[in-house]
Amino acid sequence: MTAEQLIEKYKNPAIIGLGVIVALIAAFVFYKYNQSENNTVAQEEMYKAVFYFEQDSLELALKGDEAKGIRGLQEVADEYSGTKAGKLAAFYTGIIYLKQAKFQESIDYLEKFSSNEGILQARSWAAMGDAYSELNDLENAIKYYKKAADHKGNEQITPTYLMKLGLAYELNNNWKDASDAYDKIITDYPKSQDVADAKKYKAKAQAALSASE
């Protein structure tokens, strides 16, 4: 087959392939632009609902105030789920459901949240741990407390997550890991206000561990 014949054979597929690539690039650019636009809209939609959240008017924050044209955080989370603002709305929604003792709903929304911001991400995982703990699902409670405690350690909040982790281990009769969680507070965060409790609970865990051997 000559070069001319090869060119003729593959000319149309090559053009079609190039057209597909161009279309995909165009679609991606439009998606990114649209996401940016949607994120701006979502931020504008949610800020009044966040004000309700901060005032502890949880139902108005969650469902909105139709009389004032204010959309709720749940609706924003559902409609703009692919945006940063939508994910933040999902975080708020999950926290509200946790406060309302709707634990599975809390988990469902907190699972939609992700962030590079360490404190907020850890808070989300700890809240999931709380919800699972309330559902008596200790394995998942431990999993998410551990994720929170291990994520970008912070002197102010990480000891609290370690205390929750230790207590969940205790409820699961895992005294060795409970002791280790308390010890991490004592060793890594010696200035924490949780140190006194950590020492007390560590002694309790070690006593229980000795008794079980």
Protein backbone atom coordinates (compact mmCIF):
# COMPACT_ATOMS: atom_id res chain seq x y z
CA MET A 1 0.00 0.00 0.00
CA THR A 2 1.38 3.37 -1.04
CA ALA A 3 1.68 6.39 1.24
CA GLU A 4 -1.18 8.04 -0.63
CA GLN A 5 -3.39 5.00 -0.05
CA LEU A 6 -2.53 4.98 3.67
CA ILE A 7 -3.39 8.64 3.99
CA GLU A 8 -6.69 8.06 2.18
CA LYS A 9 -7.51 5.03 4.36
CA TYR A 10 -6.93 6.81 7.66
CA LYS A 11 -7.92 10.34 6.68
CA ASN A 12 -11.55 10.22 7.85
CA PRO A 13 -10.94 8.31 11.13
CA ALA A 14 -8.15 10.75 11.95
CA ILE A 15 -10.43 13.73 11.33
CA ILE A 16 -13.18 12.12 13.40
CA GLY A 17 -10.71 11.35 16.19
CA LEU A 18 -9.44 14.93 16.17
CA GLY A 19 -13.01 16.18 16.27
CA VAL A 20 -13.74 14.01 19.32
CA ILE A 21 -10.65 15.33 21.12
CA VAL A 22 -11.59 18.94 20.35
CA ALA A 23 -15.13 18.30 21.56
CA LEU A 24 -13.85 16.75 24.79
CA ILE A 25 -11.53 19.69 25.44
CA ALA A 26 -14.36 22.12 24.77
CA ALA A 27 -16.67 20.19 27.09
CA PHE A 28 -14.04 20.18 29.85
CA VAL A 29 -13.44 23.92 29.53
CA PHE A 30 -17.18 24.56 29.64
CA TYR A 31 -17.53 22.25 32.67
CA LYS A 32 -14.80 24.09 34.59
CA TYR A 33 -16.27 27.46 33.67
CA ASN A 34 -19.76 26.29 34.57
CA GLN A 35 -18.53 24.89 37.88
CA SER A 36 -16.91 28.24 38.67
CA GLU A 37 -20.14 30.06 37.82
CA ASN A 38 -22.19 27.56 39.83
CA ASN A 39 -19.85 27.91 42.79
CA THR A 40 -20.38 31.67 42.82
CA VAL A 41 -24.15 31.20 42.63
CA ALA A 42 -24.07 28.58 45.38
CA GLN A 43 -22.08 30.90 47.65
CA GLU A 44 -24.63 33.64 47.11
CA GLU A 45 -27.50 31.22 47.72
CA MET A 46 -26.18 29.84 50.99
CA TYR A 47 -24.79 32.78 52.93
CA LYS A 48 -28.13 33.85 54.44
CA ALA A 49 -28.84 30.26 55.45
CA VAL A 50 -25.44 30.14 57.14
CA PHE A 51 -26.49 33.21 59.12
CA TYR A 52 -29.47 31.23 60.40
CA PHE A 53 -27.10 28.38 61.30
CA GLU A 54 -24.90 30.74 63.29
CA GLN A 55 -28.00 32.00 65.13
CA ASP A 56 -28.88 28.36 65.96
CA SER A 57 -32.07 28.58 63.88
CA LEU A 58 -31.33 25.13 62.53
CA GLU A 59 -34.58 24.35 60.72
CA LEU A 60 -34.51 27.67 58.85
CA ALA A 61 -30.85 27.07 57.98
CA LEU A 62 -31.67 23.58 56.76
CA LYS A 63 -34.89 24.18 54.83
CA GLY A 64 -34.71 27.92 54.14
CA ASP A 65 -37.20 30.70 54.60
CA GLU A 66 -39.59 30.72 51.66
CA ALA A 67 -41.29 33.96 52.77
CA LYS A 68 -37.96 35.79 52.47
CA GLY A 69 -36.78 33.93 49.39
CA ILE A 70 -33.93 32.25 51.28
CA ARG A 71 -32.95 28.76 50.16
CA GLY A 72 -31.94 26.16 52.70
CA LEU A 73 -28.53 24.57 52.98
CA GLN A 74 -29.86 21.14 52.07
CA GLU A 75 -31.25 22.41 48.77
CA VAL A 76 -28.00 24.20 47.96
CA ALA A 77 -26.02 21.06 48.83
CA ASP A 78 -28.19 18.95 46.53
CA GLU A 79 -28.28 21.35 43.58
CA TYR A 80 -24.62 22.41 43.62
CA SER A 81 -23.05 19.18 44.87
CA GLY A 82 -20.08 19.43 42.51
CA THR A 83 -18.92 22.83 43.74
CA LYS A 84 -16.89 23.86 46.78
CA ALA A 85 -19.81 25.90 48.09
CA GLY A 86 -22.15 22.96 47.55
CA LYS A 87 -19.83 20.69 49.52
CA LEU A 88 -19.67 23.24 52.31
CA ALA A 89 -23.47 23.37 52.34
CA ALA A 90 -23.42 19.57 52.67
CA PHE A 91 -21.11 19.93 55.70
CA TYR A 92 -23.50 22.37 57.36
CA THR A 93 -26.44 20.12 56.51
CA GLY A 94 -24.70 17.14 58.07
CA ILE A 95 -23.93 19.07 61.25
CA ILE A 96 -27.55 20.24 61.52
CA TYR A 97 -28.84 16.68 61.16
CA LEU A 98 -26.38 15.56 63.83
CA LYS A 99 -27.72 18.23 66.19
CA GLN A 100 -31.24 17.06 65.38
CA ALA A 101 -30.31 13.44 66.21
CA LYS A 102 -30.93 12.35 62.61
CA PHE A 103 -27.75 10.38 62.49
CA GLN A 104 -27.96 8.51 59.19
CA GLU A 105 -28.99 11.69 57.39
CA SER A 106 -26.02 13.41 59.01
CA ILE A 107 -23.65 10.75 57.70
CA ASP A 108 -25.17 10.89 54.22
CA TYR A 109 -24.41 14.60 53.89
CA LEU A 110 -21.07 14.63 55.68
CA GLU A 111 -19.87 11.96 53.23
CA LYS A 112 -20.37 14.50 50.43
CA PHE A 113 -17.98 16.97 52.03
CA SER A 114 -14.27 17.17 51.28
CA SER A 115 -11.81 19.98 51.81
CA ASN A 116 -8.11 20.78 51.78
CA GLU A 117 -8.75 22.90 54.86
CA GLY A 118 -7.47 20.68 57.66
CA ILE A 119 -9.58 21.82 60.60
CA LEU A 120 -12.88 21.64 58.73
CA GLN A 121 -12.12 18.25 57.18
CA ALA A 122 -11.16 16.80 60.55
CA ARG A 123 -14.32 18.28 62.07
CA SER A 124 -16.40 16.57 59.40
CA TRP A 125 -14.84 13.17 60.10
CA ALA A 126 -15.24 13.61 63.86
CA ALA A 127 -18.91 14.46 63.35
CA MET A 128 -19.29 11.28 61.32
CA GLY A 129 -17.68 9.43 64.20
CA ASP A 130 -20.25 10.97 66.56
CA ALA A 131 -23.12 9.91 64.30
CA TYR A 132 -21.84 6.35 63.96
CA SER A 133 -21.30 6.20 67.73
CA GLU A 134 -24.93 7.22 68.29
CA LEU A 135 -25.95 4.43 65.91
CA ASN A 136 -23.84 1.99 68.00
CA ASP A 137 -21.62 1.32 64.99
CA LEU A 138 -18.35 1.40 66.91
CA GLU A 139 -16.18 0.13 64.06
CA ASN A 140 -17.09 3.09 61.87
CA ALA A 141 -17.02 5.49 64.81
CA ILE A 142 -13.43 4.43 65.51
CA LYS A 143 -12.55 4.68 61.82
CA TYR A 144 -13.68 8.29 61.53
CA TYR A 145 -12.41 9.45 64.92
CA LYS A 146 -9.02 8.07 63.91
CA LYS A 147 -9.14 9.87 60.56
CA ALA A 148 -9.97 13.11 62.39
CA ALA A 149 -7.23 12.61 64.99
CA ASP A 150 -4.58 11.74 62.38
CA HIS A 151 -5.38 14.64 60.03
CA LYS A 152 -3.04 17.63 60.36
CA GLY A 153 -2.67 17.64 64.14
CA ASN A 154 -3.85 20.75 65.94
CA GLU A 155 -3.10 21.63 69.57
CA GLN A 156 -6.62 22.93 70.21
CA ILE A 157 -8.83 20.27 68.65
CA THR A 158 -6.88 17.07 67.97
CA PRO A 159 -6.79 16.07 71.67
CA THR A 160 -10.59 16.17 71.72
CA TYR A 161 -10.71 13.76 68.79
CA LEU A 162 -8.20 11.49 70.51
CA MET A 163 -10.37 11.45 73.63
CA LYS A 164 -13.38 10.46 71.53
CA LEU A 165 -11.25 7.79 69.84
CA GLY A 166 -10.09 6.41 73.19
CA LEU A 167 -13.62 6.24 74.55
CA ALA A 168 -14.83 4.46 71.40
CA TYR A 169 -12.02 1.91 71.82
CA GLU A 170 -13.12 1.43 75.43
CA LEU A 171 -16.71 0.77 74.39
CA ASN A 172 -15.31 -1.78 71.96
CA ASN A 173 -13.25 -3.37 74.80
CA ASN A 174 -10.02 -2.50 73.02
CA TRP A 175 -8.08 -1.31 76.05
CA LYS A 176 -4.63 -1.33 74.44
CA ASP A 177 -5.61 1.08 71.64
CA ALA A 178 -7.61 3.17 74.10
CA SER A 179 -4.51 3.55 76.26
CA ASP A 180 -2.43 4.48 73.21
CA ALA A 181 -4.95 7.17 72.18
CA TYR A 182 -4.82 8.75 75.65
CA ASP A 183 -1.04 8.48 75.74
CA LYS A 184 -0.81 10.37 72.44
CA ILE A 185 -2.58 13.32 74.05
CA ILE A 186 -0.17 13.25 77.01
CA THR A 187 2.92 12.90 74.82
CA ASP A 188 2.11 15.01 71.75
CA TYR A 189 -0.14 17.68 73.26
CA PRO A 190 1.18 18.23 76.81
CA LYS A 191 -0.36 21.72 77.06
CA SER A 192 -3.84 20.54 76.15
CA GLN A 193 -6.65 20.98 78.65
CA ASP A 194 -7.49 17.31 77.99
CA VAL A 195 -4.23 16.03 79.48
CA ALA A 196 -5.60 15.56 83.01
CA ASP A 197 -8.51 13.47 81.72
CA ALA A 198 -6.20 11.59 79.37
CA LYS A 199 -3.98 10.55 82.28
CA LYS A 200 -6.98 9.39 84.29
CA TYR A 201 -8.48 7.40 81.42
CA LYS A 202 -5.10 5.96 80.45
CA ALA A 203 -4.69 4.58 83.98
CA LYS A 204 -8.18 3.08 83.76
CA ALA A 205 -7.42 1.50 80.36
CA GLN A 206 -4.12 0.05 81.58
CA ALA A 207 -5.82 -1.41 84.66
CA ALA A 208 -8.49 -3.03 82.51
CA LEU A 209 -5.81 -4.34 80.13
CA SER A 210 -3.85 -5.87 83.04
CA ALA A 211 -7.00 -7.46 84.43
CA SER A 212 -7.79 -9.08 81.08
CA GLU A 213 -4.36 -10.67 80.67
